[in-house]
Protein backbone atom coordinates (compact mmCIF):
# COMPACT_ATOMS: atom_id res chain seq x y z
CA MET A 1 0.00 0.00 0.00
CA SER A 2 1.33 3.45 -0.80
CA THR A 3 2.68 5.71 1.91
CA VAL A 4 -0.14 8.18 1.36
CA LEU A 5 -3.18 5.95 1.18
CA ASN A 6 -2.73 3.61 4.08
CA ARG A 7 -5.15 2.86 6.90
CA HIS A 8 -3.59 5.44 9.25
CA PHE A 9 -4.09 8.13 6.63
CA ALA A 10 -7.73 7.15 6.07
CA ARG A 11 -8.34 6.76 9.81
CA HIS A 12 -6.91 10.20 10.53
CA TYR A 13 -9.16 11.83 7.94
CA LEU A 14 -12.23 10.01 9.21
CA GLU A 15 -11.41 10.87 12.85
CA MET A 16 -11.05 14.57 11.99
CA VAL A 17 -14.35 14.63 10.11
CA VAL A 18 -16.18 12.85 12.94
CA VAL A 19 -14.67 15.09 15.64
CA MET A 20 -15.39 18.23 13.64
CA PHE A 21 -19.08 17.34 13.18
CA LEU A 22 -19.42 16.10 16.77
CA GLY A 23 -17.86 19.35 17.94
CA MET A 24 -20.32 21.33 15.87
CA ALA A 25 -23.22 19.33 17.29
CA VAL A 26 -22.02 19.56 20.91
CA LEU A 27 -20.98 23.23 20.79
CA TRP A 28 -24.09 24.32 18.86
CA LEU A 29 -26.15 24.50 22.05
CA PRO A 30 -23.73 26.54 24.20
CA ALA A 31 -23.06 28.83 21.23
CA GLY A 32 -26.81 29.32 20.95
CA TRP A 33 -26.98 30.17 24.66
CA GLY A 34 -24.20 32.70 24.14
CA LEU A 35 -26.12 34.24 21.27
CA GLU A 36 -29.28 34.40 23.40
CA SER A 37 -27.34 36.15 26.15
CA VAL A 38 -26.64 39.01 23.74
CA GLY A 39 -30.19 39.08 22.36
CA SER A 40 -29.55 37.04 19.20
CA SER A 41 -29.98 33.50 17.92
CA TRP A 42 -28.74 31.15 15.21
CA ALA A 43 -31.81 32.09 13.14
CA ASP A 44 -31.05 35.80 13.56
CA LEU A 45 -27.48 35.26 12.40
CA GLN A 46 -28.63 33.22 9.43
CA ASP A 47 -31.02 35.98 8.37
CA GLU A 48 -29.08 39.09 9.29
CA ALA A 49 -25.42 38.17 9.68
CA PRO A 50 -24.60 35.04 7.68
CA ALA A 51 -20.88 35.83 7.81
CA ALA A 52 -20.96 35.74 11.61
CA MET A 53 -22.93 32.49 11.51
CA LEU A 54 -20.37 30.90 9.16
CA LEU A 55 -17.48 32.03 11.37
CA LEU A 56 -19.13 30.73 14.53
CA MET A 57 -19.92 27.43 12.86
CA ALA A 58 -16.32 27.13 11.64
CA ALA A 59 -15.10 27.77 15.18
CA THR A 60 -17.37 25.07 16.63
CA MET A 61 -15.80 22.60 14.19
CA THR A 62 -12.18 23.78 14.15
CA VAL A 63 -11.55 24.04 17.90
CA PRO A 64 -12.53 20.42 18.70
CA MET A 65 -10.67 19.11 15.64
CA ALA A 66 -7.50 20.98 16.66
CA ALA A 67 -7.82 19.74 20.24
CA TRP A 68 -8.24 16.19 18.95
CA MET A 69 -5.14 16.49 16.75
CA ARG A 70 -3.09 17.73 19.70
CA ARG A 71 -4.48 14.92 21.87
CA ARG A 72 -3.46 12.41 19.20
CA GLY A 73 0.12 13.72 19.30
CA HIS A 74 0.30 16.05 16.30
CA GLY A 75 2.50 19.12 16.62
CA TRP A 76 1.41 22.72 16.35
CA ARG A 77 2.40 23.16 12.71
CA PRO A 78 0.18 20.38 11.30
CA THR A 79 -2.60 21.35 13.70
CA ASN A 80 -2.45 24.96 12.55
CA GLU A 81 -2.32 23.93 8.89
CA MET A 82 -5.37 21.74 9.35
CA SER A 83 -7.17 24.53 11.19
CA ALA A 84 -6.36 26.90 8.32
CA SER A 85 -7.82 24.36 5.89
CA MET A 86 -11.13 24.90 7.67
CA ILE A 87 -10.97 28.65 8.27
CA VAL A 88 -9.76 29.69 4.78
CA PRO A 89 -12.79 28.17 2.97
CA THR A 90 -15.06 29.93 5.45
CA LEU A 91 -13.40 33.25 4.71
CA ALA A 92 -13.64 32.56 0.96
CA VAL A 93 -17.39 31.91 1.20
CA ILE A 94 -17.80 35.07 3.28
CA ALA A 95 -15.88 37.00 0.59
CA LEU A 96 -18.13 35.58 -2.14
CA HIS A 97 -21.14 36.66 -0.11
CA GLY A 98 -19.61 40.09 0.50
CA VAL A 99 -19.19 40.81 -3.20
CA GLY A 100 -22.68 39.54 -3.99
CA LEU A 101 -21.74 36.30 -5.76
CA MET A 102 -23.43 34.10 -3.17
CA SER A 103 -26.48 35.00 -1.11
CA ASP A 104 -28.36 31.81 -0.26
CA VAL A 105 -27.28 30.70 3.22
CA GLY A 106 -27.96 27.03 2.48
CA THR A 107 -25.68 27.16 -0.55
CA MET A 108 -23.06 29.01 1.47
CA LEU A 109 -23.09 26.27 4.12
CA VAL A 110 -22.76 23.48 1.55
CA VAL A 111 -19.89 25.23 -0.24
CA GLU A 112 -18.17 25.96 3.09
CA HIS A 113 -18.36 22.35 4.26
CA VAL A 114 -17.38 20.76 0.95
CA ALA A 115 -14.42 23.16 0.66
CA MET A 116 -13.39 22.35 4.25
CA LEU A 117 -13.41 18.61 3.58
CA ALA A 118 -11.43 19.07 0.37
CA GLY A 119 -9.03 21.46 2.10
CA MET A 120 -8.41 19.01 4.93
CA PHE A 121 -7.64 16.25 2.43
CA ALA A 122 -5.33 18.56 0.47
CA VAL A 123 -3.38 19.44 3.63
CA MET A 124 -3.00 15.74 4.35
CA LEU A 125 -1.69 15.11 0.82
CA LEU A 126 0.89 17.88 1.27
CA ARG A 127 2.34 16.10 4.34
CA PRO A 128 1.56 12.41 3.92
CA GLU A 129 4.31 11.43 6.37
CA GLU A 130 2.44 13.31 9.12
CA TYR A 131 -0.78 11.39 8.58
CA SER A 132 0.40 7.95 7.43
CA HIS A 133 1.56 6.57 10.75
CA HIS A 134 0.23 6.19 14.25
CA HIS A 135 0.87 9.08 16.64
CA ARG A 136 1.27 8.76 20.34
CA VAL A 137 -1.74 9.74 22.40
CA ALA A 138 -1.01 12.64 24.74
CA LEU A 139 -2.19 11.85 28.25
CA ALA A 140 -2.54 15.38 29.56
């Protein structure tokens, strides 16, 4: 099996995707409470500030994924690169919205998530040695 496409590589990608979506699901509620505390809601953001909604959603996915990577023994550089692979697509979608090329929030969310998944995979392909072997699990 090639160095790039081995089971550790595939497992790492799958773990990141699962943790990112679990993080979004788990952090959705406290983020909603935070929004309520300032007189807003997810629905308000979707209608009136989609850029803020996209950024908050990206944060609820990126933070747990980065924490998981650190827990699994990855260094700061790969963790930051992977985080950027999630934040950059979000900023790109916000830019498209800002210049009027994208206005439907549902479409924006789909494009953001698909671009994140592709970006994560691209980062992994740039450093296959980082993702093609087992990392130690940090205990603290």
